[in-house]
């Protein structure tokens, strides 16, 4: 399930830099670089510049939302089994 799409970040270009990702996620440089280093957000380094496709950031955010949804569903299932005991 996709929670975000390209229109959600319509004011941003198709190719983002670290500063723009930082603005979108509202986090610091160190967390953005950690996410990029761990390849949680697909990126490309050209010389000293790191670029991120907007679609890669959206995919990452959708995966987080999907994981949260899965955790919420699991929690509901576990709550149901606890009340049935």
Protein backbone atom coordinates (compact mmCIF):
# COMPACT_ATOMS: atom_id res chain seq x y z
CA UNK A 1 0.00 0.00 0.00
CA UNK A 2 1.38 3.40 -0.96
CA UNK A 3 0.74 6.18 1.50
CA UNK A 4 2.72 8.84 -0.35
CA UNK A 5 3.21 9.61 -4.01
CA UNK A 6 5.16 12.07 -6.15
CA UNK A 7 2.48 14.74 -5.68
CA UNK A 8 3.07 14.74 -1.92
CA UNK A 9 6.49 16.26 -2.54
CA UNK A 10 5.46 18.26 -5.60
CA UNK A 11 7.41 21.36 -4.58
CA UNK A 12 10.68 19.42 -4.67
CA UNK A 13 12.65 18.43 -7.79
CA UNK A 14 12.86 14.82 -8.96
CA UNK A 15 16.46 14.63 -7.72
CA UNK A 16 17.11 15.74 -4.15
CA UNK A 17 20.22 16.65 -2.21
CA UNK A 18 20.91 15.89 1.45
CA UNK A 19 19.67 19.31 2.57
CA UNK A 20 16.29 18.75 0.90
CA UNK A 21 15.94 15.25 2.38
CA UNK A 22 16.75 16.72 5.77
CA UNK A 23 13.98 19.33 5.29
CA UNK A 24 11.43 16.75 4.18
CA UNK A 25 12.18 14.31 7.01
CA UNK A 26 12.71 17.11 9.56
CA UNK A 27 15.83 15.40 10.92
CA UNK A 28 19.51 16.28 11.22
CA UNK A 29 22.36 15.69 8.82
CA UNK A 30 23.73 12.75 10.79
CA UNK A 31 20.49 10.76 10.55
CA UNK A 32 20.16 11.46 6.83
CA UNK A 33 23.73 10.33 6.20
CA UNK A 34 23.16 7.23 8.36
CA UNK A 35 20.07 6.30 6.33
CA UNK A 36 22.02 6.83 3.11
CA UNK A 37 25.07 4.88 4.33
CA UNK A 38 22.86 1.95 5.38
CA UNK A 39 21.15 2.13 1.94
CA UNK A 40 17.76 2.54 3.59
CA UNK A 41 17.27 5.34 1.07
CA UNK A 42 18.74 4.60 -2.35
CA UNK A 43 21.25 7.24 -3.37
CA UNK A 44 24.07 8.01 -5.72
CA UNK A 45 27.31 9.77 -4.98
CA UNK A 46 28.79 11.89 -7.75
CA UNK A 47 32.13 13.27 -6.66
CA UNK A 48 31.45 14.92 -3.31
CA UNK A 49 27.73 15.32 -3.92
CA UNK A 50 25.12 12.80 -2.83
CA UNK A 51 21.87 12.76 -4.77
CA UNK A 52 18.62 11.00 -3.96
CA UNK A 53 15.77 10.33 -6.36
CA UNK A 54 12.52 11.67 -4.97
CA UNK A 55 10.97 8.30 -5.80
CA UNK A 56 13.58 6.59 -3.57
CA UNK A 57 12.67 8.80 -0.63
CA UNK A 58 8.98 8.14 -1.21
CA UNK A 59 9.65 4.38 -1.35
CA UNK A 60 11.51 4.60 1.96
CA UNK A 61 8.69 6.56 3.62
CA UNK A 62 6.08 4.16 2.27
CA UNK A 63 8.07 1.21 3.62
CA UNK A 64 8.07 2.85 7.07
CA UNK A 65 4.32 3.42 6.91
CA UNK A 66 3.81 -0.16 5.75
CA UNK A 67 5.95 -1.52 8.59
CA UNK A 68 4.03 0.58 11.09
CA UNK A 69 0.76 -0.73 9.67
CA UNK A 70 2.03 -4.31 9.96
CA UNK A 71 3.04 -3.66 13.58
CA UNK A 72 -0.36 -2.17 14.36
CA UNK A 73 -2.11 -5.20 12.85
CA UNK A 74 0.14 -7.58 14.81
CA UNK A 75 -0.59 -5.63 17.99
CA UNK A 76 -4.35 -5.91 17.38
CA UNK A 77 -4.01 -9.66 16.81
CA UNK A 78 -2.00 -10.07 20.01
CA UNK A 79 -4.51 -7.98 22.00
CA UNK A 80 -7.31 -10.18 20.68
CA UNK A 81 -5.58 -13.37 21.81
CA UNK A 82 -4.88 -11.91 25.24
CA UNK A 83 -8.52 -10.98 25.84
CA UNK A 84 -9.64 -14.41 24.68
CA UNK A 85 -7.54 -16.16 27.36
